[in-house]
Amino acid sequence: MLETERTLLRPWEEADAEECYKYAKDPRVGPIAGWPVHTSVENSLQVIRDVLMVPETYAIVLKETGLPVGSIGLHHNDLAEKEDEVELGYWLGVPYWGQGLVPEAARELLRHAFEDLHMARVWCAYYDGNGKSKRVQEKLGFRYQWTTENAPVPQMGETRKGHVNLMTKEDWASTMVSHRCTRHSETASDS
């Protein structure tokens, strides 16, 4: 389990199916990320079993409620082909958009990827039109790599324009230094 100021990142459980469905049935969540809306609690349970209950995939759980409101994970796939590379993926329930929860959770997952798992690179991508995901990646310090005109979206049975970003361990280390300096100067000015 990983922890941030407002969230716990823990493995998904079958008991999370109802909460997962509550957010994944919203058409604003899955389709823009490349997966279909969940059609029932049973469908969410199946997705939890088949997709989410894998190593390095976490429910984003609010400490305040103890309930999951989204998902975040590190995956080996076509972007992250080497042993020391992963791709960061995430989604969040609509009521929690705009509160900085994904960047907060992602910063901890990036720390985990680089410090604990000894990754050299973390990839992240978004489909054209997903401005929220683009902003998250920019906030985190990912750097643009390329755009693919016909990126396959297998779960939706289509192709889309996809944008690929990258963070190296060196990028992350320099981001952490500047983040600490900013926090230190804010703390110093508060006293």
C-alpha atoms as a PDB file:
ATOM      1  CA  MET A   1       0.000   0.000   0.000  1.00  0.00           C
ATOM      2  CA  LEU A   2       1.180   3.518  -0.843  1.00  0.00           C
ATOM      3  CA  GLU A   3       0.025   6.699   0.855  1.00  0.00           C
ATOM      4  CA  THR A   4      -0.335  10.386  -0.002  1.00  0.00           C
ATOM      5  CA  GLU A   5      -1.735  13.278   1.992  1.00  0.00           C
ATOM      6  CA  ARG A   6      -5.353  12.560   0.969  1.00  0.00           C
ATOM      7  CA  THR A   7      -5.266   9.069  -0.522  1.00  0.00           C
ATOM      8  CA  LEU A   8      -4.282   5.470   0.026  1.00  0.00           C
ATOM      9  CA  LEU A   9      -3.218   3.479  -3.015  1.00  0.00           C
ATOM     10  CA  ARG A  10      -4.081  -0.149  -2.383  1.00  0.00           C
ATOM     11  CA  PRO A  11      -4.777  -3.241  -4.479  1.00  0.00           C
ATOM     12  CA  TRP A  12      -8.270  -3.543  -5.903  1.00  0.00           C
ATOM     13  CA  GLU A  13     -10.604  -5.997  -4.156  1.00  0.00           C
ATOM     14  CA  GLU A  14     -13.741  -7.754  -5.367  1.00  0.00           C
ATOM     15  CA  ALA A  15     -15.653  -5.864  -2.665  1.00  0.00           C
ATOM     16  CA  ASP A  16     -14.891  -2.625  -4.575  1.00  0.00           C
ATOM     17  CA  ALA A  17     -17.200  -3.565  -7.482  1.00  0.00           C
ATOM     18  CA  GLU A  18     -20.082  -1.309  -6.441  1.00  0.00           C
ATOM     19  CA  GLU A  19     -17.869   1.760  -5.976  1.00  0.00           C
ATOM     20  CA  CYS A  20     -16.024   1.010  -9.214  1.00  0.00           C
ATOM     21  CA  TYR A  21     -19.319   0.799 -11.101  1.00  0.00           C
ATOM     22  CA  LYS A  22     -20.544   4.066  -9.553  1.00  0.00           C
ATOM     23  CA  TYR A  23     -17.778   5.949 -11.417  1.00  0.00           C
ATOM     24  CA  ALA A  24     -16.975   3.675 -14.384  1.00  0.00           C
ATOM     25  CA  LYS A  25     -20.581   3.739 -15.680  1.00  0.00           C
ATOM     26  CA  ASP A  26     -20.203   7.468 -16.425  1.00  0.00           C
ATOM     27  CA  PRO A  27     -19.590   7.942 -20.185  1.00  0.00           C
ATOM     28  CA  ARG A  28     -17.158  10.798 -19.433  1.00  0.00           C
ATOM     29  CA  VAL A  29     -14.666   8.427 -17.736  1.00  0.00           C
ATOM     30  CA  GLY A  30     -13.830   5.288 -19.719  1.00  0.00           C
ATOM     31  CA  PRO A  31     -14.362   6.098 -23.405  1.00  0.00           C
ATOM     32  CA  ILE A  32     -11.964   9.062 -23.434  1.00  0.00           C
ATOM     33  CA  ALA A  33      -9.337   6.782 -21.824  1.00  0.00           C
ATOM     34  CA  GLY A  34      -9.982   3.989 -24.320  1.00  0.00           C
ATOM     35  CA  TRP A  35     -12.331   1.601 -22.530  1.00  0.00           C
ATOM     36  CA  PRO A  36     -16.129   1.159 -22.621  1.00  0.00           C
ATOM     37  CA  VAL A  37     -18.497   2.263 -19.876  1.00  0.00           C
ATOM     38  CA  HIS A  38     -19.241  -0.391 -17.279  1.00  0.00           C
ATOM     39  CA  THR A  39     -22.754  -1.764 -17.732  1.00  0.00           C
ATOM     40  CA  SER A  40     -23.415  -3.259 -14.268  1.00  0.00           C
ATOM     41  CA  VAL A  41     -21.852  -4.014 -10.892  1.00  0.00           C
ATOM     42  CA  GLU A  42     -21.186  -7.525 -12.262  1.00  0.00           C
ATOM     43  CA  ASN A  43     -19.344  -6.005 -15.242  1.00  0.00           C
ATOM     44  CA  SER A  44     -17.215  -3.912 -12.845  1.00  0.00           C
ATOM     45  CA  LEU A  45     -16.501  -7.026 -10.764  1.00  0.00           C
ATOM     46  CA  GLN A  46     -15.305  -8.832 -13.901  1.00  0.00           C
ATOM     47  CA  VAL A  47     -13.069  -5.862 -14.838  1.00  0.00           C
ATOM     48  CA  ILE A  48     -11.650  -5.825 -11.295  1.00  0.00           C
ATOM     49  CA  ARG A  49     -10.868  -9.559 -11.549  1.00  0.00           C
ATOM     50  CA  ASP A  50      -9.503  -9.507 -15.119  1.00  0.00           C
ATOM     51  CA  VAL A  51      -7.860  -6.083 -15.434  1.00  0.00           C
ATOM     52  CA  LEU A  52      -7.421  -4.276 -12.122  1.00  0.00           C
ATOM     53  CA  MET A  53      -6.306  -7.088  -9.778  1.00  0.00           C
ATOM     54  CA  VAL A  54      -2.795  -7.193 -11.228  1.00  0.00           C
ATOM     55  CA  PRO A  55       0.545  -6.184  -9.717  1.00  0.00           C
ATOM     56  CA  GLU A  56       1.192  -2.430  -9.519  1.00  0.00           C
ATOM     57  CA  THR A  57      -2.436  -1.432 -10.156  1.00  0.00           C
ATOM     58  CA  TYR A  58      -4.045   0.429  -7.287  1.00  0.00           C
ATOM     59  CA  ALA A  59      -7.440   1.725  -6.244  1.00  0.00           C
ATOM     60  CA  ILE A  60      -7.231   5.439  -5.412  1.00  0.00           C
ATOM     61  CA  VAL A  61      -8.950   5.418  -2.013  1.00  0.00           C
ATOM     62  CA  LEU A  62      -9.915   8.629  -0.221  1.00  0.00           C
ATOM     63  CA  LYS A  63      -8.638   8.556   3.361  1.00  0.00           C
ATOM     64  CA  GLU A  64     -11.676  10.625   4.326  1.00  0.00           C
ATOM     65  CA  THR A  65     -14.174   7.907   3.266  1.00  0.00           C
ATOM     66  CA  GLY A  66     -12.106   4.730   2.877  1.00  0.00           C
ATOM     67  CA  LEU A  67     -13.722   4.208  -0.544  1.00  0.00           C
ATOM     68  CA  PRO A  68     -12.120   3.954  -4.003  1.00  0.00           C
ATOM     69  CA  VAL A  69     -12.786   6.824  -6.426  1.00  0.00           C
ATOM     70  CA  GLY A  70     -10.472   5.841  -9.284  1.00  0.00           C
ATOM     71  CA  SER A  71      -7.539   3.726 -10.371  1.00  0.00           C
ATOM     72  CA  ILE A  72      -3.848   4.223 -11.078  1.00  0.00           C
ATOM     73  CA  GLY A  73      -1.196   1.781 -12.148  1.00  0.00           C
ATOM     74  CA  LEU A  74       2.109   0.955 -13.761  1.00  0.00           C
ATOM     75  CA  HIS A  75       1.940  -1.416 -16.723  1.00  0.00           C
ATOM     76  CA  HIS A  76       4.314  -3.161 -19.112  1.00  0.00           C
ATOM     77  CA  ASN A  77       2.899  -2.823 -22.627  1.00  0.00           C
ATOM     78  CA  ASP A  78       3.768  -1.720 -26.161  1.00  0.00           C
ATOM     79  CA  LEU A  79       5.184   1.632 -24.971  1.00  0.00           C
ATOM     80  CA  ALA A  80       7.085   0.095 -22.055  1.00  0.00           C
ATOM     81  CA  GLU A  81       8.775  -2.860 -23.698  1.00  0.00           C
ATOM     82  CA  LYS A  82      11.989  -2.978 -21.663  1.00  0.00           C
ATOM     83  CA  GLU A  83      12.294  -4.441 -18.163  1.00  0.00           C
ATOM     84  CA  ASP A  84      13.153  -1.049 -16.652  1.00  0.00           C
ATOM     85  CA  GLU A  85      10.210   0.809 -18.248  1.00  0.00           C
ATOM     86  CA  VAL A  86       6.512   1.057 -17.385  1.00  0.00           C
ATOM     87  CA  GLU A  87       3.506   3.033 -18.542  1.00  0.00           C
ATOM     88  CA  LEU A  88       1.479   5.088 -16.080  1.00  0.00           C
ATOM     89  CA  GLY A  89      -2.295   4.857 -16.484  1.00  0.00           C
ATOM     90  CA  TYR A  90      -5.093   6.357 -14.402  1.00  0.00           C
ATOM     91  CA  TRP A  91      -8.760   7.299 -14.241  1.00  0.00           C
ATOM     92  CA  LEU A  92     -10.861   9.132 -11.664  1.00  0.00           C
ATOM     93  CA  GLY A  93     -14.581   9.427 -10.920  1.00  0.00           C
ATOM     94  CA  VAL A  94     -16.116  12.660 -12.257  1.00  0.00           C
ATOM     95  CA  PRO A  95     -17.133  14.085  -8.827  1.00  0.00           C
ATOM     96  CA  TYR A  96     -13.419  14.198  -7.925  1.00  0.00           C
ATOM     97  CA  TRP A  97     -12.118  15.880 -11.089  1.00  0.00           C
ATOM     98  CA  GLY A  98     -10.251  19.137 -10.629  1.00  0.00           C
ATOM     99  CA  GLN A  99      -9.120  18.465  -7.041  1.00  0.00           C
ATOM    100  CA  GLY A 100      -5.539  17.433  -7.850  1.00  0.00           C
ATOM    101  CA  LEU A 101      -6.050  13.834  -6.677  1.00  0.00           C
ATOM    102  CA  VAL A 102      -4.533  12.166  -9.760  1.00  0.00           C
ATOM    103  CA  PRO A 103      -1.349  14.299  -9.733  1.00  0.00           C
ATOM    104  CA  GLU A 104      -1.048  13.640  -5.979  1.00  0.00           C
ATOM    105  CA  ALA A 105      -1.435   9.875  -6.413  1.00  0.00           C
ATOM    106  CA  ALA A 106       0.759   9.844  -9.525  1.00  0.00           C
ATOM    107  CA  ARG A 107       3.637  11.628  -7.751  1.00  0.00           C
ATOM    108  CA  GLU A 108       3.696   8.835  -5.171  1.00  0.00           C
ATOM    109  CA  LEU A 109       3.459   6.157  -7.858  1.00  0.00           C
ATOM    110  CA  LEU A 110       6.332   7.786  -9.785  1.00  0.00           C
ATOM    111  CA  ARG A 111       8.407   7.801  -6.596  1.00  0.00           C
ATOM    112  CA  HIS A 112       7.588   4.118  -6.173  1.00  0.00           C
ATOM    113  CA  ALA A 113       8.487   3.380  -9.816  1.00  0.00           C
ATOM    114  CA  PHE A 114      11.872   5.098  -9.681  1.00  0.00           C
ATOM    115  CA  GLU A 115      12.952   4.438  -6.079  1.00  0.00           C
ATOM    116  CA  ASP A 116      11.403   1.071  -5.194  1.00  0.00           C
ATOM    117  CA  LEU A 117      11.060  -0.632  -8.594  1.00  0.00           C
ATOM    118  CA  HIS A 118      14.241   0.931 -10.070  1.00  0.00           C
ATOM    119  CA  MET A 119      12.609   1.942 -13.340  1.00  0.00           C
ATOM    120  CA  ALA A 120      14.611   4.084 -15.774  1.00  0.00           C
ATOM    121  CA  ARG A 121      11.626   5.452 -17.729  1.00  0.00           C
ATOM    122  CA  VAL A 122       7.899   5.924 -17.211  1.00  0.00           C
ATOM    123  CA  TRP A 123       5.755   6.476 -20.294  1.00  0.00           C
ATOM    124  CA  CYS A 124       2.339   8.103 -20.287  1.00  0.00           C
ATOM    125  CA  ALA A 125      -0.076   8.749 -23.159  1.00  0.00           C
ATOM    126  CA  TYR A 126      -3.459  10.273 -23.846  1.00  0.00           C
ATOM    127  CA  TYR A 127      -5.867  10.357 -26.768  1.00  0.00           C
ATOM    128  CA  ASP A 128      -6.621  13.565 -28.652  1.00  0.00           C
ATOM    129  CA  GLY A 129      -9.325  15.542 -26.879  1.00  0.00           C
ATOM    130  CA  ASN A 130      -8.445  14.323 -23.370  1.00  0.00           C
ATOM    131  CA  GLY A 131      -7.281  17.711 -22.088  1.00  0.00           C
ATOM    132  CA  LYS A 132      -7.531  16.688 -18.431  1.00  0.00           C
ATOM    133  CA  SER A 133      -5.086  13.822 -18.894  1.00  0.00           C
ATOM    134  CA  LYS A 134      -2.768  16.069 -20.910  1.00  0.00           C
ATOM    135  CA  ARG A 135      -2.730  18.630 -18.057  1.00  0.00           C
ATOM    136  CA  VAL A 136      -2.002  15.947 -15.452  1.00  0.00           C
ATOM    137  CA  GLN A 137       1.001  14.776 -17.472  1.00  0.00           C
ATOM    138  CA  GLU A 138       2.263  18.343 -17.920  1.00  0.00           C
ATOM    139  CA  LYS A 139       1.875  19.059 -14.170  1.00  0.00           C
ATOM    140  CA  LEU A 140       3.866  15.938 -13.356  1.00  0.00           C
ATOM    141  CA  GLY A 141       6.724  16.960 -15.658  1.00  0.00           C
ATOM    142  CA  PHE A 142       6.311  14.429 -18.476  1.00  0.00           C
ATOM    143  CA  ARG A 143       7.951  15.492 -21.743  1.00  0.00           C
ATOM    144  CA  TYR A 144       6.271  15.167 -25.150  1.00  0.00           C
ATOM    145  CA  GLN A 145       7.782  12.476 -27.392  1.00  0.00           C
ATOM    146  CA  TRP A 146       5.523  11.913 -30.422  1.00  0.00           C
ATOM    147  CA  THR A 147       1.982  11.810 -31.824  1.00  0.00           C
ATOM    148  CA  THR A 148       0.511   8.764 -33.571  1.00  0.00           C
ATOM    149  CA  GLU A 149      -2.275   9.440 -36.066  1.00  0.00           C
ATOM    150  CA  ASN A 150      -3.845   5.957 -35.978  1.00  0.00           C
ATOM    151  CA  ALA A 151      -3.233   4.570 -32.495  1.00  0.00           C
ATOM    152  CA  PRO A 152      -5.275   1.393 -32.006  1.00  0.00           C
ATOM    153  CA  VAL A 153      -7.912   1.494 -29.240  1.00  0.00           C
ATOM    154  CA  PRO A 154      -8.717  -2.240 -29.059  1.00  0.00           C
ATOM    155  CA  GLN A 155     -11.402  -2.101 -26.357  1.00  0.00           C
ATOM    156  CA  MET A 156     -13.326   0.499 -28.370  1.00  0.00           C
ATOM    157  CA  GLY A 157     -12.669  -1.144 -31.774  1.00  0.00           C
ATOM    158  CA  GLU A 158     -11.273   2.026 -33.337  1.00  0.00           C
ATOM    159  CA  THR A 159      -8.156   4.102 -33.932  1.00  0.00           C
ATOM    160  CA  ARG A 160      -7.465   7.580 -32.567  1.00  0.00           C
ATOM    161  CA  LYS A 161      -4.800  10.235 -32.542  1.00  0.00           C
ATOM    162  CA  GLY A 162      -2.564   9.499 -29.532  1.00  0.00           C
ATOM    163  CA  HIS A 163       0.079  11.620 -27.815  1.00  0.00           C
ATOM    164  CA  VAL A 164       2.999   9.969 -26.027  1.00  0.00           C
ATOM    165  CA  ASN A 165       5.001  11.506 -23.165  1.00  0.00           C
ATOM    166  CA  LEU A 166       7.981  10.299 -21.165  1.00  0.00           C
ATOM    167  CA  MET A 167       9.621  10.856 -17.796  1.00  0.00           C
ATOM    168  CA  THR A 168      13.111   9.523 -17.155  1.00  0.00           C
ATOM    169  CA  LYS A 169      14.537   8.883 -13.724  1.00  0.00           C
ATOM    170  CA  GLU A 170      16.720  11.999 -14.202  1.00  0.00           C
ATOM    171  CA  ASP A 171      13.656  14.104 -15.116  1.00  0.00           C
ATOM    172  CA  TRP A 172      11.900  12.839 -12.002  1.00  0.00           C
ATOM    173  CA  ALA A 173      14.892  13.572  -9.760  1.00  0.00           C
ATOM    174  CA  SER A 174      15.124  17.171 -11.010  1.00  0.00           C
ATOM    175  CA  THR A 175      11.336  17.610 -10.652  1.00  0.00           C
ATOM    176  CA  MET A 176      11.577  16.386  -7.064  1.00  0.00           C
ATOM    177  CA  VAL A 177      14.390  18.831  -6.272  1.00  0.00           C
ATOM    178  CA  SER A 178      12.418  21.793  -7.656  1.00  0.00           C
ATOM    179  CA  HIS A 179       9.232  20.553  -5.892  1.00  0.00           C
ATOM    180  CA  ARG A 180      11.090  20.389  -2.556  1.00  0.00           C
ATOM    181  CA  CYS A 181      12.577  23.866  -3.084  1.00  0.00           C
ATOM    182  CA  THR A 182       9.129  25.299  -3.835  1.00  0.00           C
ATOM    183  CA  ARG A 183       7.631  23.645  -0.735  1.00  0.00           C
ATOM    184  CA  HIS A 184      10.575  24.832   1.394  1.00  0.00           C
ATOM    185  CA  SER A 185      10.180  28.453   0.249  1.00  0.00           C
ATOM    186  CA  GLU A 186       6.401  28.298   0.862  1.00  0.00           C
ATOM    187  CA  THR A 187       7.003  26.963   4.375  1.00  0.00           C
ATOM    188  CA  ALA A 188       9.666  29.607   5.078  1.00  0.00           C
ATOM    189  CA  SER A 189       7.336  32.419   3.947  1.00  0.00           C
ATOM    190  CA  ASP A 190       4.536  31.053   6.177  1.00  0.00           C
ATOM    191  CA  SER A 191       6.606  31.365   9.355  1.00  0.00           C
END
